Amino acid sequence: NTRYGSPVKGRFTSSRDNSKNTVYLQMNSLQPEDTAVY
């Protein structure tokens, strides 16, 4: 289950693949204020 911060809710989606030990962050409708080190 996922939870999101208010600034990214509705634009970012995260998921995990336990078979690959991997989590993803799909970021859509990116804006300049999303510029950061993640």
Full PDB file with SEQRES, HELIX, SHEET, SSBOND, CRYST1, ORIGX, SCALE, CONECT and MASTER records, all heavy atoms in Angstrom:
SEQRES   1 A   38  ASN THR ARG TYR GLY SER PRO VAL LYS GLY ARG PHE THR          
SEQRES   2 A   38  SER SER ARG ASP ASN SER LYS ASN THR VAL TYR LEU GLN          
SEQRES   3 A   38  MET ASN SER LEU GLN PRO GLU ASP THR ALA VAL TYR              
HELIX    1 AA1 SER A    6  VAL A    8  5                                   3    
HELIX    2 AA2 ASN A   18  LYS A   20  5                                   3    
HELIX    3 AA3 PRO A   32  ASP A   34  5                                   3    
SHEET    1 AA1 2 PHE A  12  ASP A  17  0                                        
SHEET    2 AA1 2 THR A  22  MET A  27 -1                                        
CRYST1    1.000    1.000    1.000  90.00  90.00  90.00 P 1           1          
ORIGX1      1.000000  0.000000  0.000000        0.00000                         
ORIGX2      0.000000  1.000000  0.000000        0.00000                         
ORIGX3      0.000000  0.000000  1.000000        0.00000                         
SCALE1      1.000000  0.000000  0.000000        0.00000                         
SCALE2      0.000000  1.000000  0.000000        0.00000                         
SCALE3      0.000000  0.000000  1.000000        0.00000                         
ATOM      1  N   ASN A   1       0.851  -1.196   0.000  1.00  0.00           N  
ATOM      2  CA  ASN A   1       0.000   0.000   0.000  1.00  0.00           C  
ATOM      3  C   ASN A   1       0.884   1.242   0.000  1.00  0.00           C  
ATOM      4  O   ASN A   1       1.966   1.266   0.610  1.00  0.00           O  
ATOM      5  CB  ASN A   1      -0.903  -0.001   1.227  1.00  0.00           C  
ATOM      6  CG  ASN A   1      -1.953  -1.090   1.151  1.00  0.00           C  
ATOM      7  OD1 ASN A   1      -2.273  -1.583   0.071  1.00  0.00           O  
ATOM      8  ND2 ASN A   1      -2.481  -1.485   2.285  1.00  0.00           N  
ATOM      9  N   THR A   2       0.403   2.275  -0.664  1.00  0.00           N  
ATOM     10  CA  THR A   2       1.209   3.476  -0.827  1.00  0.00           C  
ATOM     11  C   THR A   2       0.522   4.706  -0.235  1.00  0.00           C  
ATOM     12  O   THR A   2      -0.707   4.772  -0.143  1.00  0.00           O  
ATOM     13  CB  THR A   2       1.481   3.747  -2.316  1.00  0.00           C  
ATOM     14  OG1 THR A   2       0.230   3.781  -3.015  1.00  0.00           O  
ATOM     15  CG2 THR A   2       2.347   2.665  -2.921  1.00  0.00           C  
ATOM     16  N   ARG A   3       1.352   5.654   0.159  1.00  0.00           N  
ATOM     17  CA  ARG A   3       0.882   6.953   0.639  1.00  0.00           C  
ATOM     18  C   ARG A   3       1.769   8.006   0.007  1.00  0.00           C  
ATOM     19  O   ARG A   3       2.974   7.767  -0.175  1.00  0.00           O  
ATOM     20  CB  ARG A   3       0.976   7.024   2.167  1.00  0.00           C  
ATOM     21  CG  ARG A   3       0.186   5.957   2.884  1.00  0.00           C  
ATOM     22  CD  ARG A   3       0.529   5.912   4.363  1.00  0.00           C  
ATOM     23  NE  ARG A   3      -0.141   4.805   5.031  1.00  0.00           N  
ATOM     24  CZ  ARG A   3       0.170   4.369   6.251  1.00  0.00           C  
ATOM     25  NH1 ARG A   3       1.133   4.959   6.933  1.00  0.00           N  
ATOM     26  NH2 ARG A   3      -0.484   3.360   6.796  1.00  0.00           N  
ATOM     27  N   TYR A   4       1.199   9.169  -0.290  1.00  0.00           N  
ATOM     28  CA  TYR A   4       1.939  10.211  -0.995  1.00  0.00           C  
ATOM     29  C   TYR A   4       1.851  11.536  -0.268  1.00  0.00           C  
ATOM     30  O   TYR A   4       0.849  11.852   0.371  1.00  0.00           O  
ATOM     31  CB  TYR A   4       1.381  10.373  -2.416  1.00  0.00           C  
ATOM     32  CG  TYR A   4       1.470   9.105  -3.229  1.00  0.00           C  
ATOM     33  CD1 TYR A   4       0.392   8.237  -3.313  1.00  0.00           C  
ATOM     34  CD2 TYR A   4       2.661   8.765  -3.872  1.00  0.00           C  
ATOM     35  CE1 TYR A   4       0.486   7.060  -4.033  1.00  0.00           C  
ATOM     36  CE2 TYR A   4       2.749   7.592  -4.605  1.00  0.00           C  
ATOM     37  CZ  TYR A   4       1.663   6.748  -4.677  1.00  0.00           C  
ATOM     38  OH  TYR A   4       1.766   5.577  -5.390  1.00  0.00           O  
ATOM     39  N   GLY A   5       2.925  12.313  -0.436  1.00  0.00           N  
ATOM     40  CA  GLY A   5       2.905  13.663   0.079  1.00  0.00           C  
ATOM     41  C   GLY A   5       1.987  14.532  -0.761  1.00  0.00           C  
ATOM     42  O   GLY A   5       1.804  14.291  -1.956  1.00  0.00           O  
ATOM     43  N   SER A   6       1.439  15.556  -0.146  1.00  0.00           N  
ATOM     44  CA  SER A   6       0.460  16.405  -0.828  1.00  0.00           C  
ATOM     45  C   SER A   6       0.982  17.014  -2.138  1.00  0.00           C  
ATOM     46  O   SER A   6       0.231  17.074  -3.121  1.00  0.00           O  
ATOM     47  CB  SER A   6       0.002  17.520   0.108  1.00  0.00           C  
ATOM     48  OG  SER A   6      -0.664  16.989   1.221  1.00  0.00           O  
ATOM     49  N   PRO A   7       2.224  17.471  -2.206  1.00  0.00           N  
ATOM     50  CA  PRO A   7       2.681  18.116  -3.442  1.00  0.00           C  
ATOM     51  C   PRO A   7       2.710  17.192  -4.663  1.00  0.00           C  
ATOM     52  O   PRO A   7       2.722  17.672  -5.795  1.00  0.00           O  
ATOM     53  CB  PRO A   7       4.096  18.581  -3.093  1.00  0.00           C  
ATOM     54  CG  PRO A   7       4.113  18.689  -1.612  1.00  0.00           C  
ATOM     55  CD  PRO A   7       3.232  17.576  -1.149  1.00  0.00           C  
ATOM     56  N   VAL A   8       2.736  15.877  -4.436  1.00  0.00           N  
ATOM     57  CA  VAL A   8       2.878  14.965  -5.571  1.00  0.00           C  
ATOM     58  C   VAL A   8       1.659  14.091  -5.772  1.00  0.00           C  
ATOM     59  O   VAL A   8       1.587  13.346  -6.758  1.00  0.00           O  
ATOM     60  CB  VAL A   8       4.126  14.072  -5.397  1.00  0.00           C  
ATOM     61  CG1 VAL A   8       5.353  14.926  -5.131  1.00  0.00           C  
ATOM     62  CG2 VAL A   8       3.947  13.042  -4.299  1.00  0.00           C  
ATOM     63  N   LYS A   9       0.696  14.187  -4.880  1.00  0.00           N  
ATOM     64  CA  LYS A   9      -0.477  13.324  -4.958  1.00  0.00           C  
ATOM     65  C   LYS A   9      -1.198  13.544  -6.293  1.00  0.00           C  
ATOM     66  O   LYS A   9      -1.433  14.688  -6.697  1.00  0.00           O  
ATOM     67  CB  LYS A   9      -1.407  13.612  -3.788  1.00  0.00           C  
ATOM     68  CG  LYS A   9      -2.342  12.480  -3.442  1.00  0.00           C  
ATOM     69  CD  LYS A   9      -3.084  12.775  -2.141  1.00  0.00           C  
ATOM     70  CE  LYS A   9      -2.171  12.749  -0.952  1.00  0.00           C  
ATOM     71  NZ  LYS A   9      -2.890  12.927   0.324  1.00  0.00           N  
ATOM     72  N   GLY A  10      -1.519  12.470  -6.965  1.00  0.00           N  
ATOM     73  CA  GLY A  10      -2.182  12.549  -8.259  1.00  0.00           C  
ATOM     74  C   GLY A  10      -1.237  12.632  -9.437  1.00  0.00           C  
ATOM     75  O   GLY A  10      -1.658  12.458 -10.585  1.00  0.00           O  
ATOM     76  N   ARG A  11       0.036  12.899  -9.172  1.00  0.00           N  
ATOM     77  CA  ARG A  11       1.025  12.987 -10.264  1.00  0.00           C  
ATOM     78  C   ARG A  11       2.072  11.885 -10.186  1.00  0.00           C  
ATOM     79  O   ARG A  11       2.577  11.429 -11.206  1.00  0.00           O  
ATOM     80  CB  ARG A  11       1.722  14.351 -10.223  1.00  0.00           C  
ATOM     81  CG  ARG A  11       0.804  15.534 -10.390  1.00  0.00           C  
ATOM     82  CD  ARG A  11       1.595  16.832 -10.524  1.00  0.00           C  
ATOM     83  NE  ARG A  11       2.380  17.117  -9.326  1.00  0.00           N  
ATOM     84  CZ  ARG A  11       3.706  17.290  -9.326  1.00  0.00           C  
ATOM     85  NH1 ARG A  11       4.386  17.208 -10.453  1.00  0.00           N  
ATOM     86  NH2 ARG A  11       4.347  17.559  -8.204  1.00  0.00           N  
ATOM     87  N   PHE A  12       2.414  11.486  -8.974  1.00  0.00           N  
ATOM     88  CA  PHE A  12       3.449  10.462  -8.786  1.00  0.00           C  
ATOM     89  C   PHE A  12       2.787   9.161  -8.341  1.00  0.00           C  
ATOM     90  O   PHE A  12       1.812   9.166  -7.580  1.00  0.00           O  
ATOM     91  CB  PHE A  12       4.441  10.883  -7.708  1.00  0.00           C  
ATOM     92  CG  PHE A  12       5.345  12.023  -8.082  1.00  0.00           C  
ATOM     93  CD1 PHE A  12       5.141  12.792  -9.212  1.00  0.00           C  
ATOM     94  CD2 PHE A  12       6.447  12.318  -7.273  1.00  0.00           C  
ATOM     95  CE1 PHE A  12       5.979  13.836  -9.543  1.00  0.00           C  
ATOM     96  CE2 PHE A  12       7.300  13.361  -7.587  1.00  0.00           C  
ATOM     97  CZ  PHE A  12       7.047  14.120  -8.722  1.00  0.00           C  
ATOM     98  N   THR A  13       3.340   8.060  -8.806  1.00  0.00           N  
ATOM     99  CA  THR A  13       2.863   6.739  -8.414  1.00  0.00           C  
ATOM    100  C   THR A  13       4.064   5.862  -8.080  1.00  0.00           C  
ATOM    101  O   THR A  13       5.029   5.809  -8.849  1.00  0.00           O  
ATOM    102  CB  THR A  13       2.071   6.085  -9.549  1.00  0.00           C  
ATOM    103  OG1 THR A  13       0.976   6.924  -9.923  1.00  0.00           O  
ATOM    104  CG2 THR A  13       1.517   4.733  -9.104  1.00  0.00           C  
ATOM    105  N   SER A  14       3.987   5.182  -6.953  1.00  0.00           N  
ATOM    106  CA  SER A  14       5.078   4.297  -6.579  1.00  0.00           C  
ATOM    107  C   SER A  14       4.574   2.867  -6.498  1.00  0.00           C  
ATOM    108  O   SER A  14       3.423   2.621  -6.133  1.00  0.00           O  
ATOM    109  CB  SER A  14       5.668   4.719  -5.235  1.00  0.00           C  
ATOM    110  OG  SER A  14       6.867   4.020  -4.989  1.00  0.00           O  
ATOM    111  N   SER A  15       5.438   1.943  -6.853  1.00  0.00           N  
ATOM    112  CA  SER A  15       5.095   0.530  -6.789  1.00  0.00           C  
ATOM    113  C   SER A  15       6.353  -0.256  -6.453  1.00  0.00           C  
ATOM    114  O   SER A  15       7.462   0.263  -6.555  1.00  0.00           O  
ATOM    115  CB  SER A  15       4.518   0.058  -8.126  1.00  0.00           C  
ATOM    116  OG  SER A  15       5.460   0.243  -9.164  1.00  0.00           O  
ATOM    117  N   ARG A  16       6.148  -1.484  -6.050  1.00  0.00           N  
ATOM    118  CA  ARG A  16       7.304  -2.317  -5.719  1.00  0.00           C  
ATOM    119  C   ARG A  16       7.169  -3.673  -6.386  1.00  0.00           C  
ATOM    120  O   ARG A  16       6.069  -4.190  -6.565  1.00  0.00           O  
ATOM    121  CB  ARG A  16       7.463  -2.464  -4.206  1.00  0.00           C  
ATOM    122  CG  ARG A  16       6.318  -3.157  -3.491  1.00  0.00           C  
ATOM    123  CD  ARG A  16       6.465  -3.015  -1.968  1.00  0.00           C  
ATOM    124  NE  ARG A  16       7.644  -3.697  -1.461  1.00  0.00           N  
ATOM    125  CZ  ARG A  16       8.178  -3.473  -0.253  1.00  0.00           C  
ATOM    126  NH1 ARG A  16       7.622  -2.587   0.552  1.00  0.00           N  
ATOM    127  NH2 ARG A  16       9.236  -4.135   0.145  1.00  0.00           N  
ATOM    128  N   ASP A  17       8.323  -4.231  -6.736  1.00  0.00           N  
ATOM    129  CA  ASP A  17       8.400  -5.571  -7.294  1.00  0.00           C  
ATOM    130  C   ASP A  17       9.278  -6.378  -6.358  1.00  0.00           C  
ATOM    131  O   ASP A  17      10.514  -6.284  -6.413  1.00  0.00           O  
ATOM    132  CB  ASP A  17       8.976  -5.518  -8.710  1.00  0.00           C  
ATOM    133  CG  ASP A  17       8.968  -6.873  -9.394  1.00  0.00           C  
ATOM    134  OD1 ASP A  17       8.874  -7.903  -8.693  1.00  0.00           O  
ATOM    135  OD2 ASP A  17       9.072  -6.905 -10.632  1.00  0.00           O  
ATOM    136  N   ASN A  18       8.651  -7.150  -5.492  1.00  0.00           N  
ATOM    137  CA  ASN A  18       9.416  -7.880  -4.488  1.00  0.00           C  
ATOM    138  C   ASN A  18      10.312  -8.951  -5.110  1.00  0.00           C  
ATOM    139  O   ASN A  18      11.325  -9.328  -4.525  1.00  0.00           O  
ATOM    140  CB  ASN A  18       8.481  -8.513  -3.463  1.00  0.00           C  
ATOM    141  CG  ASN A  18       7.821  -7.469  -2.570  1.00  0.00           C  
ATOM    142  OD1 ASN A  18       8.324  -6.359  -2.423  1.00  0.00           O  
ATOM    143  ND2 ASN A  18       6.681  -7.823  -1.986  1.00  0.00           N  
ATOM    144  N   SER A  19       9.956  -9.423  -6.307  1.00  0.00           N  
ATOM    145  CA  SER A  19      10.787 -10.431  -6.964  1.00  0.00           C  
ATOM    146  C   SER A  19      12.106  -9.842  -7.458  1.00  0.00           C  
ATOM    147  O   SER A  19      13.071 -10.574  -7.695  1.00  0.00           O  
ATOM    148  CB  SER A  19      10.029 -11.059  -8.130  1.00  0.00           C  
ATOM    149  OG  SER A  19       9.859 -10.120  -9.180  1.00  0.00           O  
ATOM    150  N   LYS A  20      12.148  -8.506  -7.596  1.00  0.00           N  
ATOM    151  CA  LYS A  20      13.359  -7.833  -8.070  1.00  0.00           C  
ATOM    152  C   LYS A  20      13.979  -6.940  -7.003  1.00  0.00           C  
ATOM    153  O   LYS A  20      14.911  -6.188  -7.299  1.00  0.00           O  
ATOM    154  CB  LYS A  20      13.030  -6.989  -9.307  1.00  0.00           C  
ATOM    155  CG  LYS A  20      12.569  -7.801 -10.500  1.00  0.00           C  
ATOM    156  CD  LYS A  20      12.288  -6.915 -11.696  1.00  0.00           C  
ATOM    157  CE  LYS A  20      11.839  -7.736 -12.897  1.00  0.00           C  
ATOM    158  NZ  LYS A  20      11.548  -6.877 -14.074  1.00  0.00           N  
ATOM    159  N   ASN A  21      13.452  -6.987  -5.776  1.00  0.00           N  
ATOM    160  CA  ASN A  21      13.954  -6.116  -4.697  1.00  0.00           C  
ATOM    161  C   ASN A  21      13.960  -4.655  -5.134  1.00  0.00           C  
ATOM    162  O   ASN A  21      14.869  -3.899  -4.768  1.00  0.00           O  
ATOM    163  CB  ASN A  21      15.366  -6.534  -4.270  1.00  0.00           C  
ATOM    164  CG  ASN A  21      15.370  -7.748  -3.373  1.00  0.00           C  
ATOM    165  OD1 ASN A  21      14.434  -8.546  -3.392  1.00  0.00           O  
ATOM    166  ND2 ASN A  21      16.406  -7.903  -2.577  1.00  0.00           N  
ATOM    167  N   THR A  22      12.961  -4.259  -5.873  1.00  0.00           N  
ATOM    168  CA  THR A  22      12.960  -2.937  -6.494  1.00  0.00           C  
ATOM    169  C   THR A  22      11.666  -2.187  -6.195  1.00  0.00           C  
ATOM    170  O   THR A  22      10.577  -2.781  -6.197  1.00  0.00           O  
ATOM    171  CB  THR A  22      13.133  -3.064  -8.014  1.00  0.00           C  
ATOM    172  OG1 THR A  22      14.371  -3.732  -8.291  1.00  0.00           O  
ATOM    173  CG2 THR A  22      13.164  -1.695  -8.679  1.00  0.00           C  
ATOM    174  N   VAL A  23      11.818  -0.895  -5.962  1.00  0.00           N  
ATOM    175  CA  VAL A  23      10.683   0.003  -5.853  1.00  0.00           C  
ATOM    176  C   VAL A  23      10.843   1.077  -6.921  1.00  0.00           C  
ATOM    177  O   VAL A  23      11.969   1.474  -7.251  1.00  0.00           O  
ATOM    178  CB  VAL A  23      10.575   0.616  -4.439  1.00  0.00           C  
ATOM    179  CG1 VAL A  23      11.784   1.466  -4.104  1.00  0.00           C  
ATOM    180  CG2 VAL A  23       9.295   1.403  -4.270  1.00  0.00           C  
ATOM    181  N   TYR A  24       9.714   1.507  -7.481  1.00  0.00           N  
ATOM    182  CA  TYR A  24       9.715   2.473  -8.567  1.00  0.00           C  
ATOM    183  C   TYR A  24       8.967   3.734  -8.154  1.00  0.00           C  
ATOM    184  O   TYR A  24       8.068   3.695  -7.320  1.00  0.00           O  
ATOM    185  CB  TYR A  24       9.046   1.882  -9.811  1.00  0.00           C  
ATOM    186  CG  TYR A  24       9.657   0.590 -10.278  1.00  0.00           C  
ATOM    187  CD1 TYR A  24       9.092  -0.634  -9.915  1.00  0.00           C  
ATOM    188  CD2 TYR A  24      10.795   0.584 -11.071  1.00  0.00           C  
ATOM    189  CE1 TYR A  24       9.648  -1.828 -10.342  1.00  0.00           C  
ATOM    190  CE2 TYR A  24      11.353  -0.617 -11.497  1.00  0.00           C  
ATOM    191  CZ  TYR A  24      10.780  -1.814 -11.124  1.00  0.00           C  
ATOM    192  OH  TYR A  24      11.341  -2.992 -11.541  1.00  0.00           O  
ATOM    193  N   LEU A  25       9.339   4.832  -8.780  1.00  0.00           N  
ATOM    194  CA  LEU A  25       8.601   6.075  -8.617  1.00  0.00           C  
ATOM    195  C   LEU A  25       8.341   6.631 -10.007  1.00  0.00           C  
ATOM    196  O   LEU A  25       9.257   7.126 -10.653  1.00  0.00           O  
ATOM    197  CB  LEU A  25       9.366   7.081  -7.765  1.00  0.00           C  
ATOM    198  CG  LEU A  25       8.611   8.369  -7.456  1.00  0.00           C  
ATOM    199  CD1 LEU A  25       7.410   8.089  -6.555  1.00  0.00           C  
ATOM    200  CD2 LEU A  25       9.537   9.399  -6.796  1.00  0.00           C  
ATOM    201  N   GLN A  26       7.098   6.521 -10.448  1.00  0.00           N  
ATOM    202  CA  GLN A  26       6.693   7.084 -11.731  1.00  0.00           C  
ATOM    203  C   GLN A  26       6.239   8.511 -11.492  1.00  0.00           C  
ATOM    204  O   GLN A  26       5.296   8.748 -10.730  1.00  0.00           O  
ATOM    205  CB  GLN A  26       5.559   6.260 -12.338  1.00  0.00           C  
ATOM    206  CG  GLN A  26       5.013   6.818 -13.632  1.00  0.00           C  
ATOM    207  CD  GLN A  26       6.012   6.765 -14.769  1.00  0.00           C  
ATOM    208  OE1 GLN A  26       6.653   5.738 -14.983  1.00  0.00           O  
ATOM    209  NE2 GLN A  26       6.161   7.854 -15.495  1.00  0.00           N  
ATOM    210  N   MET A  27       6.905   9.449 -12.149  1.00  0.00           N  
ATOM    211  CA  MET A  27       6.625  10.864 -11.939  1.00  0.00           C  
ATOM    212  C   MET A  27       6.070  11.450 -13.235  1.00  0.00           C  
ATOM    213  O   MET A  27       6.767  11.450 -14.258  1.00  0.00           O  
ATOM    214  CB  MET A  27       7.895  11.594 -11.515  1.00  0.00           C  
ATOM    215  CG  MET A  27       8.553  10.983 -10.281  1.00  0.00           C  
ATOM    216  SD  MET A  27      10.005  11.901  -9.711  1.00  0.00           S  
ATOM    217  CE  MET A  27      11.111  11.618 -11.094  1.00  0.00           C  
ATOM    218  N   ASN A  28       4.856  11.926 -13.188  1.00  0.00           N  
ATOM    219  CA  ASN A  28       4.204  12.518 -14.343  1.00  0.00           C  
ATOM    220  C   ASN A  28       3.912  13.994 -14.091  1.00  0.00           C  
ATOM    221  O   ASN A  28       3.918  14.445 -12.943  1.00  0.00           O  
ATOM    222  CB  ASN A  28       2.904  11.779 -14.655  1.00  0.00           C  
ATOM    223  CG  ASN A  28       3.113  10.328 -14.992  1.00  0.00           C  
ATOM    224  OD1 ASN A  28       4.125   9.951 -15.594  1.00  0.00           O  
ATOM    225  ND2 ASN A  28       2.170   9.479 -14.615  1.00  0.00           N  
ATOM    226  N   SER A  29       3.640  14.709 -15.153  1.00  0.00           N  
ATOM    227  CA  SER A  29       3.319  16.144 -15.057  1.00  0.00           C  
ATOM    228  C   SER A  29       4.339  16.881 -14.211  1.00  0.00           C  
ATOM    229  O   SER A  29       3.982  17.671 -13.326  1.00  0.00           O  
ATOM    230  CB  SER A  29       1.905  16.327 -14.481  1.00  0.00           C  
ATOM    231  OG  SER A  29       0.950  15.669 -15.284  1.00  0.00           O  
ATOM    232  N   LEU A  30       5.599  16.625 -14.486  1.00  0.00           N  
ATOM    233  CA  LEU A  30       6.663  17.219 -13.689  1.00  0.00           C  
ATOM    234  C   LEU A  30       6.721  18.723 -13.876  1.00  0.00           C  
ATOM    235  O   LEU A  30       6.495  19.245 -14.981  1.00  0.00           O  
ATOM    236  CB  LEU A  30       8.000  16.584 -14.053  1.00  0.00           C  
ATOM    237  CG  LEU A  30       8.212  15.178 -13.466  1.00  0.00           C  
ATOM    238  CD1 LEU A  30       9.335  14.446 -14.202  1.00  0.00           C  
ATOM    239  CD2 LEU A  30       8.511  15.266 -11.974  1.00  0.00           C  
ATOM    240  N   GLN A  31       7.026  19.404 -12.788  1.00  0.00           N  
ATOM    241  CA  GLN A  31       7.123  20.854 -12.776  1.00  0.00           C  
ATOM    242  C   GLN A  31       8.488  21.266 -12.248  1.00  0.00           C  
ATOM    243  O   GLN A  31       9.159  20.485 -11.560  1.00  0.00           O  
ATOM    244  CB  GLN A  31       6.000  21.445 -11.918  1.00  0.00           C  
ATOM    245  CG  GLN A  31       4.600  21.093 -12.389  1.00  0.00           C  
ATOM    246  CD  GLN A  31       4.344  21.563 -13.823  1.00  0.00           C  
ATOM    247  OE1 GLN A  31       4.717  22.675 -14.206  1.00  0.00           O  
ATOM    248  NE2 GLN A  31       3.706  20.708 -14.610  1.00  0.00           N  
ATOM    249  N   PRO A  32       8.919  22.493 -12.535  1.00  0.00           N  
ATOM    250  CA  PRO A  32      10.237  22.934 -12.042  1.00  0.00           C  
ATOM    251  C   PRO A  32      10.395  22.768 -10.529  1.00  0.00           C  
ATOM    252  O   PRO A  32      11.507  22.493 -10.063  1.00  0.00           O  
ATOM    253  CB  PRO A  32      10.279  24.405 -12.463  1.00  0.00           C  
ATOM    254  CG  PRO A  32       9.437  24.458 -13.699  1.00  0.00           C  
ATOM    255  CD  PRO A  32       8.315  23.488 -13.446  1.00  0.00           C  
ATOM    256  N   GLU A  33       9.327  22.909  -9.785  1.00  0.00           N  
ATOM    257  CA  GLU A  33       9.433  22.763  -8.333  1.00  0.00           C  
ATOM    258  C   GLU A  33       9.666  21.323  -7.894  1.00  0.00           C  
ATOM    259  O   GLU A  33       9.920  21.061  -6.711  1.00  0.00           O  
ATOM    260  CB  GLU A  33       8.189  23.315  -7.631  1.00  0.00           C  
ATOM    261  CG  GLU A  33       6.878  22.781  -8.157  1.00  0.00           C  
ATOM    262  CD  GLU A  33       6.269  23.674  -9.215  1.00  0.00           C  
ATOM    263  OE1 GLU A  33       7.028  24.307  -9.993  1.00  0.00           O  
ATOM    264  OE2 GLU A  33       5.022  23.738  -9.276  1.00  0.00           O  
ATOM    265  N   ASP A  34       9.582  20.380  -8.829  1.00  0.00           N  
ATOM    266  CA  ASP A  34       9.923  18.989  -8.522  1.00  0.00           C  
ATOM    267  C   ASP A  34      11.428  18.735  -8.626  1.00  0.00           C  
ATOM    268  O   ASP A  34      11.890  17.638  -8.290  1.00  0.00           O  
ATOM    269  CB  ASP A  34       9.189  18.037  -9.473  1.00  0.00           C  
ATOM    270  CG  ASP A  34       7.679  18.076  -9.300  1.00  0.00           C  
ATOM    271  OD1 ASP A  34       7.220  18.056  -8.142  1.00  0.00           O  
ATOM    272  OD2 ASP A  34       6.974  18.142 -10.329  1.00  0.00           O  
ATOM    273  N   THR A  35      12.160  19.727  -9.087  1.00  0.00           N  
ATOM    274  CA  THR A  35      13.606  19.588  -9.180  1.00  0.00           C  
ATOM    275  C   THR A  35      14.200  19.352  -7.801  1.00  0.00           C  
ATOM    276  O   THR A  35      13.953  20.123  -6.871  1.00  0.00           O  
ATOM    277  CB  THR A  35      14.229  20.846  -9.811  1.00  0.00           C  
ATOM    278  OG1 THR A  35      13.763  20.963 -11.158  1.00  0.00           O  
ATOM    279  CG2 THR A  35      15.742  20.767  -9.795  1.00  0.00           C  
ATOM    280  N   ALA A  36      14.960  18.291  -7.673  1.00  0.00           N  
ATOM    281  CA  ALA A  36      15.526  17.918  -6.373  1.00  0.00           C  
ATOM    282  C   ALA A  36      16.414  16.691  -6.556  1.00  0.00           C  
ATOM    283  O   ALA A  36      16.412  16.052  -7.618  1.00  0.00           O  
ATOM    284  CB  ALA A  36      14.424  17.605  -5.369  1.00  0.00           C  
ATOM    285  N   VAL A  37      17.134  16.373  -5.505  1.00  0.00           N  
ATOM    286  CA  VAL A  37      17.776  15.060  -5.424  1.00  0.00           C  
ATOM    287  C   VAL A  37      16.768  14.125  -4.764  1.00  0.00           C  
ATOM    288  O   VAL A  37      16.242  14.426  -3.686  1.00  0.00           O  
ATOM    289  CB  VAL A  37      19.079  15.107  -4.614  1.00  0.00           C  
ATOM    290  CG1 VAL A  37      19.682  13.700  -4.503  1.00  0.00           C  
ATOM    291  CG2 VAL A  37      20.074  16.068  -5.261  1.00  0.00           C  
ATOM    292  N   TYR A  38      16.498  13.019  -5.410  1.00  0.00           N  
ATOM    293  CA  TYR A  38      15.526  12.057  -4.913  1.00  0.00           C  
ATOM    294  C   TYR A  38      16.271  10.891  -4.259  1.00  0.00           C  
ATOM    295  O   TYR A  38      17.189  10.319  -4.863  1.00  0.00           O  
ATOM    296  CB  TYR A  38      14.637  11.559  -6.044  1.00  0.00           C  
ATOM    297  CG  TYR A  38      13.584  12.570  -6.419  1.00  0.00           C  
ATOM    298  CD1 TYR A  38      13.921  13.730  -7.107  1.00  0.00           C  
ATOM    299  CD2 TYR A  38      12.252  12.390  -6.056  1.00  0.00           C  
ATOM    300  CE1 TYR A  38      12.968  14.682  -7.427  1.00  0.00           C  
ATOM    301  CE2 TYR A  38      11.283  13.332  -6.378  1.00  0.00           C  
ATOM    302  CZ  TYR A  38      11.661  14.476  -7.060  1.00  0.00           C  
ATOM    303  OH  TYR A  38      10.700  15.422  -7.372  1.00  0.00           O  
TER     304      TYR A  38                                                      
MASTER        0    0    0    3    2    0    0    6  303    1    0    3          
END                                                                             
